[in-house]
Protein backbone atom coordinates (compact mmCIF):
# COMPACT_ATOMS: atom_id res chain seq x y z
CA MET A 1 -58.15 32.84 32.04
CA THR A 2 -56.59 33.99 35.26
CA SER A 3 -55.93 30.29 36.11
CA PHE A 4 -53.12 29.57 33.90
CA LEU A 5 -50.14 30.88 35.46
CA PRO A 6 -46.49 30.62 35.09
CA GLU A 7 -44.37 27.57 36.62
CA GLY A 8 -44.15 28.36 40.21
CA LYS A 9 -47.19 30.68 40.36
CA ARG A 10 -49.01 27.58 42.19
CA ILE A 11 -47.03 25.56 43.63
CA ASN A 12 -47.48 26.52 47.74
CA THR A 13 -51.12 27.60 46.98
CA SER A 14 -53.70 26.21 49.71
CA GLU A 15 -55.17 24.31 47.24
CA ASN A 16 -52.45 22.96 45.30
CA LEU A 17 -51.22 21.83 48.84
CA GLN A 18 -54.11 20.67 49.22
CA ARG A 19 -54.43 18.47 46.12
CA ILE A 20 -51.56 16.16 46.60
CA SER A 21 -51.77 16.10 50.71
CA ASP A 22 -53.04 12.36 50.60
CA ILE A 23 -53.73 9.72 47.67
CA GLU A 24 -57.41 10.44 46.70
CA SER A 25 -57.44 14.02 46.68
CA ILE A 26 -54.14 13.35 44.10
CA ARG A 27 -57.33 10.44 42.99
CA LYS A 28 -60.13 13.47 42.90
CA ALA A 29 -57.41 15.56 41.01
CA MET A 30 -56.88 13.02 38.40
CA THR A 31 -60.93 12.67 37.89
CA ASP A 32 -61.39 16.44 37.44
CA ARG A 33 -57.51 16.58 36.03
CA THR A 34 -57.06 19.34 37.52
CA ILE A 35 -53.49 20.97 36.87
CA LEU A 36 -51.32 20.83 40.18
CA GLU A 37 -47.29 21.66 40.88
CA ALA A 38 -44.67 20.38 42.85
CA ARG A 39 -40.63 20.31 42.95
CA ALA A 40 -38.85 18.20 40.46
CA LYS A 41 -36.40 16.27 42.62
CA LEU A 42 -34.51 14.18 40.13
CA CYS A 43 -34.63 13.07 36.28
CA ASP A 44 -33.25 9.49 36.25
CA ASN A 45 -31.04 7.81 33.26
CA GLU A 46 -34.01 7.42 31.07
CA HIS A 47 -34.92 11.22 30.97
CA ASN A 48 -38.30 10.52 32.81
CA LEU A 49 -38.83 13.10 35.88
CA ILE A 50 -39.62 12.05 39.73
CA VAL A 51 -41.58 14.59 41.20
CA ASP A 52 -41.90 15.45 45.02
CA LEU A 53 -45.49 15.04 45.96
CA GLY A 54 -44.91 14.77 49.95
CA ALA A 55 -45.96 11.18 51.37
CA TYR A 56 -45.42 10.65 47.45
CA ARG A 57 -43.42 10.51 45.06
CA GLY A 58 -44.85 11.06 41.11
CA VAL A 59 -43.24 10.31 37.20
CA ILE A 60 -43.58 12.01 34.61
CA PRO A 61 -42.23 9.91 32.08
CA ARG A 62 -40.15 11.26 29.08
CA ALA A 63 -42.49 11.77 26.59
CA GLU A 64 -44.61 13.85 29.29
CA CYS A 65 -42.63 15.97 30.20
CA ALA A 66 -43.13 18.67 27.36
CA VAL A 67 -44.86 19.73 24.73
CA GLY A 68 -42.68 19.01 21.55
CA ILE A 69 -40.41 15.93 22.95
CA LYS A 70 -42.62 13.30 21.22
CA GLU A 71 -42.45 15.26 18.31
CA GLY A 72 -38.34 15.99 18.46
CA THR A 73 -39.28 19.69 18.44
CA VAL A 74 -37.73 20.03 22.20
CA ARG A 75 -34.31 18.94 23.32
CA ASP A 76 -33.76 16.53 26.29
CA ILE A 77 -32.25 19.43 28.04
CA ALA A 78 -35.93 20.92 28.24
CA ILE A 79 -36.56 18.01 30.55
CA LEU A 80 -33.00 18.60 32.96
CA SER A 81 -33.54 21.61 33.02
CA ARG A 82 -36.42 21.18 35.00
CA VAL A 83 -34.57 18.86 38.15
CA ASN A 84 -35.03 21.69 41.40
CA HIS A 85 -37.73 22.96 39.52
CA PRO A 86 -41.53 23.65 39.93
CA VAL A 87 -43.43 21.57 37.08
CA GLN A 88 -47.17 22.04 36.77
CA PHE A 89 -48.75 18.34 35.52
CA ILE A 90 -52.33 16.53 35.99
CA VAL A 91 -52.20 13.26 36.95
CA THR A 92 -53.09 10.39 34.12
CA ASP A 93 -52.75 7.49 36.70
CA ILE A 94 -52.12 6.16 39.61
CA LYS A 95 -49.98 2.86 40.08
CA MET A 96 -48.06 0.77 42.55
CA ASP A 97 -44.84 0.63 42.75
CA SER A 98 -42.73 -2.59 43.58
CA ASN A 99 -43.05 -1.37 47.71
CA GLY A 100 -47.30 -1.49 46.90
CA ILE A 101 -47.20 2.09 47.51
CA PRO A 102 -49.16 4.17 45.52
CA LEU A 103 -47.35 5.68 42.51
CA PRO A 104 -48.70 8.89 40.66
CA ILE A 105 -48.19 9.16 36.71
CA LEU A 106 -48.29 12.30 35.54
CA SER A 107 -47.92 14.93 32.50
CA ARG A 108 -46.26 17.44 32.11
CA GLU A 109 -47.68 17.93 28.72
CA LYS A 110 -51.18 17.63 28.81
CA ALA A 111 -51.37 19.85 31.38
CA GLN A 112 -49.31 22.37 28.53
CA ARG A 113 -52.12 21.55 26.23
CA ILE A 114 -54.91 22.40 28.21
CA CYS A 115 -53.24 25.78 29.03
CA ILE A 116 -53.04 26.53 24.91
CA ASP A 117 -55.98 25.51 23.88
CA ASN A 118 -58.23 27.92 27.18
CA TYR A 119 -55.96 30.64 27.61
CA ILE A 120 -52.62 30.40 24.99
CA SER A 121 -55.28 30.29 21.49
CA ARG A 122 -57.25 32.70 23.15
CA LEU A 123 -55.09 35.67 22.92
CA SER A 124 -54.43 38.17 20.73
CA VAL A 125 -51.43 40.99 19.85
CA GLY A 126 -51.79 43.21 22.06
CA ASP A 127 -53.45 41.25 24.93
CA ILE A 128 -51.45 42.38 28.29
CA ILE A 129 -50.55 39.63 30.50
CA LYS A 130 -48.31 37.95 33.30
CA ALA A 131 -44.85 36.06 33.06
CA ARG A 132 -42.41 34.84 34.65
CA VAL A 133 -38.58 35.68 33.10
CA THR A 134 -37.33 31.63 33.17
CA HIS A 135 -33.54 32.75 31.21
CA LEU A 136 -31.94 35.47 29.97
CA GLU A 137 -29.29 35.53 26.49
CA PRO A 138 -27.93 38.71 25.22
CA PHE A 139 -30.71 38.97 22.17
CA GLY A 140 -33.76 38.77 24.95
CA ALA A 141 -35.34 37.48 27.42
CA PHE A 142 -37.52 34.16 27.83
CA CYS A 143 -40.09 34.11 29.75
CA ASP A 144 -43.08 31.29 30.66
CA ILE A 145 -46.43 32.83 29.73
CA GLY A 146 -48.09 30.15 31.32
CA ALA A 147 -47.38 26.43 32.36
CA GLY A 148 -44.47 26.16 31.22
CA ILE A 149 -44.62 27.82 27.85
CA VAL A 150 -42.07 29.86 26.76
CA ALA A 151 -42.02 32.90 24.77
CA LEU A 152 -39.78 35.38 23.77
CA MET A 153 -38.93 39.16 24.13
CA PRO A 154 -36.25 40.56 21.69
CA ILE A 155 -33.73 42.86 24.28
CA ASP A 156 -35.27 46.06 22.01
CA THR A 157 -38.54 45.26 23.14
CA ILE A 158 -37.64 45.42 27.51
CA SER A 159 -37.23 49.24 27.53
CA VAL A 160 -37.05 52.40 25.24
CA SER A 161 -33.39 53.41 27.10
CA ARG A 162 -31.44 50.65 25.63
CA ILE A 163 -29.66 48.35 27.58
CA GLU A 164 -26.51 45.76 26.40
CA HIS A 165 -28.09 42.42 28.00
CA PRO A 166 -31.48 41.66 29.51
CA ASP A 167 -30.06 41.06 33.02
CA GLU A 168 -29.92 44.47 33.02
CA ARG A 169 -33.33 44.72 33.32
CA PHE A 170 -34.48 41.55 34.74
CA SER A 171 -33.35 38.73 36.94
CA VAL A 172 -34.64 34.78 36.49
CA GLY A 173 -37.28 34.10 38.22
CA MET A 174 -39.03 37.59 38.36
CA ASP A 175 -42.26 38.36 37.79
CA ILE A 176 -43.54 40.34 34.91
CA ARG A 177 -46.02 41.71 33.05
CA CYS A 178 -45.60 42.05 28.71
CA VAL A 179 -47.74 42.77 26.04
CA ILE A 180 -48.32 39.72 23.55
CA LYS A 181 -46.53 41.99 20.17
CA SER A 182 -46.86 39.06 17.80
CA LYS A 183 -48.87 35.38 17.50
CA GLU A 184 -48.52 32.35 15.21
CA ASN A 185 -50.14 29.56 16.53
CA THR A 186 -48.55 28.58 19.83
CA ARG A 187 -45.16 31.06 18.72
CA ILE A 188 -45.63 33.42 20.61
CA THR A 189 -43.05 37.49 20.73
CA LEU A 190 -43.76 39.77 23.71
CA SER A 191 -42.84 43.06 24.69
CA HIS A 192 -42.82 45.39 27.61
CA LYS A 193 -41.92 48.85 26.94
CA GLU A 194 -45.04 49.68 26.24
CA LEU A 195 -46.00 49.28 29.48
CA LEU A 196 -43.04 51.10 30.95
CA GLY A 197 -44.59 54.57 30.11
CA THR A 198 -44.72 56.92 27.57
CA TRP A 199 -41.85 60.16 27.43
CA GLU A 200 -44.91 62.51 29.03
CA GLU A 201 -45.05 60.14 31.77
CA ASN A 202 -42.02 59.31 32.86
CA ALA A 203 -40.65 63.01 32.26
CA ALA A 204 -43.74 64.01 34.26
CA LEU A 205 -42.16 62.61 37.36
CA PHE A 206 -38.85 64.89 36.89
CA SER A 207 -39.02 68.64 37.88
CA VAL A 208 -36.06 71.60 36.41
CA GLY A 209 -33.40 72.15 38.83
CA GLU A 210 -33.75 68.77 41.06
CA THR A 211 -31.02 66.28 41.24
CA VAL A 212 -31.62 62.67 40.73
CA SER A 213 -30.24 59.76 40.21
CA GLY A 214 -29.31 57.65 37.38
CA VAL A 215 -27.34 55.32 35.18
CA ILE A 216 -25.33 56.16 32.53
CA ARG A 217 -26.61 53.64 29.14
CA SER A 218 -24.01 55.27 26.37
CA ILE A 219 -20.96 57.57 25.84
CA GLU A 220 -21.01 59.58 22.90
CA ASN A 221 -18.44 61.74 21.77
CA TYR A 222 -21.08 64.55 22.33
CA GLY A 223 -22.42 63.46 25.35
CA ALA A 224 -23.38 61.09 28.12
CA PHE A 225 -26.88 59.40 27.82
CA VAL A 226 -28.54 58.79 31.13
CA GLU A 227 -31.43 56.48 32.09
CA LEU A 228 -33.47 58.12 34.67
CA LYS A 229 -36.58 55.59 33.91
CA PRO A 230 -36.31 52.55 32.09
CA ASN A 231 -38.30 54.44 29.26
CA LEU A 232 -36.33 57.92 29.73
CA ALA A 233 -32.84 58.82 29.34
CA GLY A 234 -31.24 62.24 29.46
CA LEU A 235 -28.48 63.42 28.01
CA ALA A 236 -25.39 64.92 29.92
CA GLU A 237 -22.26 67.01 30.08
CA LEU A 238 -19.13 64.22 28.67
CA LYS A 239 -16.80 64.04 32.15
CA ASP A 240 -13.52 62.86 31.93
CA ASP A 241 -14.06 59.46 34.47
CA LEU A 242 -17.74 58.63 33.14
CA ARG A 243 -18.01 55.13 32.35
CA VAL A 244 -21.35 53.00 31.24
CA GLY A 245 -22.81 51.57 33.85
CA GLN A 246 -22.36 53.40 36.41
CA GLN A 247 -24.77 55.31 38.82
CA ALA A 248 -25.20 59.04 38.31
CA SER A 249 -26.53 62.01 40.62
CA VAL A 250 -27.34 64.31 37.97
CA PHE A 251 -28.43 67.79 37.94
CA ILE A 252 -31.98 68.35 35.62
CA LYS A 253 -30.57 71.47 33.73
CA SER A 254 -34.17 71.60 31.49
CA ILE A 255 -37.01 69.16 29.68
CA ILE A 256 -38.12 70.23 26.47
CA PRO A 257 -40.84 68.08 25.25
CA SER A 258 -41.23 69.21 21.91
CA LYS A 259 -37.90 67.95 21.26
CA MET A 260 -38.24 64.42 23.38
CA LYS A 261 -34.83 66.18 25.00
CA ILE A 262 -33.35 66.33 29.21
CA LYS A 263 -30.24 68.17 29.63
CA LEU A 264 -28.63 67.25 32.41
CA ILE A 265 -25.37 67.69 34.49
CA VAL A 266 -23.50 64.76 36.36
CA ILE A 267 -22.64 65.74 39.99
CA ASP A 268 -21.47 62.37 40.91
CA ASN A 269 -20.38 59.44 39.30
CA PHE A 270 -19.58 55.99 40.92
CA PHE A 271 -20.51 52.18 40.28
CA SER A 272 -22.15 50.36 42.98
CA ASP A 273 -23.73 47.00 43.83
CA GLU A 274 -27.22 48.01 44.95
CA GLU A 275 -29.99 46.01 43.99
CA ARG A 276 -31.69 47.42 40.67
CA GLN A 277 -34.92 49.25 41.32
CA PRO A 278 -38.27 47.97 40.69
CA LEU A 279 -40.41 47.55 37.49
CA HIS A 280 -43.03 50.70 37.40
CA TYR A 281 -45.63 49.82 35.05
CA PHE A 282 -48.34 52.69 33.95
CA LEU A 283 -50.49 49.46 32.50
CA GLU A 284 -50.38 46.39 33.96
CA GLU A 285 -53.50 44.50 32.45
CA GLY A 286 -56.58 44.97 29.66
CA HIS A 287 -55.53 45.20 26.26
CA ILE A 288 -53.69 48.28 24.05
CA ASP A 289 -54.39 49.01 19.49
CA ARG A 290 -51.20 51.49 19.80
CA PHE A 291 -48.81 52.98 21.66
CA VAL A 292 -47.50 56.71 21.45
CA TYR A 293 -44.15 57.31 22.96
CA SER A 294 -43.40 60.73 21.55
CA PRO A 295 -45.71 63.82 23.28
CA PRO A 296 -47.65 64.92 20.52
CA SER A 297 -45.83 68.25 20.65
CA CYS A 298 -43.34 67.28 19.37
CA GLU A 299 -42.46 66.68 15.26
CA LYS A 300 -41.28 62.99 15.84
CA TYR A 301 -43.44 60.68 16.07
CA ILE A 302 -42.21 56.90 17.86
CA CYS A 303 -45.66 54.66 17.84
CA THR A 304 -45.99 51.19 18.42
CA GLU A 305 -49.14 48.97 16.27
CA PHE A 306 -50.71 45.80 17.83
CA ILE A 307 -51.88 44.63 14.74
């Protein structure tokens, strides 16, 4: 199952490069039905994708560009958007072009079917998998979970700390871990926050009396919520110049597990163009049935069930 990867993860591997290095290797890959990957260079006026195989060019006919194209459930924009991006495929035939040069005929749709039948269909709710962010919308992040098969991660499942847009946490092309939240045939919904640690796990990274960095996520009439980690925020006393999205240096006054609260004082606040810190996962693989975010001593119980 680990051989099924998001598009872009296979293209520069030595095995993939060897298999597209010459026509005999391409022919053997056709016989073996091996999934290969290369970059789509253009989409012609009939919406066929032309793929760069190094010494050769391959063609993915329009109907073979993705699962759902034949049925009309996927629009042609899904084909156009692959130009200049890696695509996975199997070789279905090798013809000769008008100049007598071998022309491999490719199918991304069949590669996706293989991925669905041998990987995605076997996934269960609660499984932790690798994915790659493909595009971002205000309501969530779309992620490639294998061979260009895309699943949605709703914005409220990205982290416990609330964000206004997924681009505050992710960027297109980012490799992430996620959990299968729901599954209906090939329609899959993802979650992410359960891998970023419980309240206690995150709070254990900080101590009372420290001054640490954070991001101001919201401002209320009773205080400002400052994100210390994607799954941990504290409440700071208000200042006149606080703005949502600012970086903040905050002094930790108290950490109260029984109330799941961290009290802060803002020492400094400013806007910054610094790159976001990489995500830290407390879980990276395996399966989870239940994620309890709240501490045992807290009256409030916050839990995600994967059933």
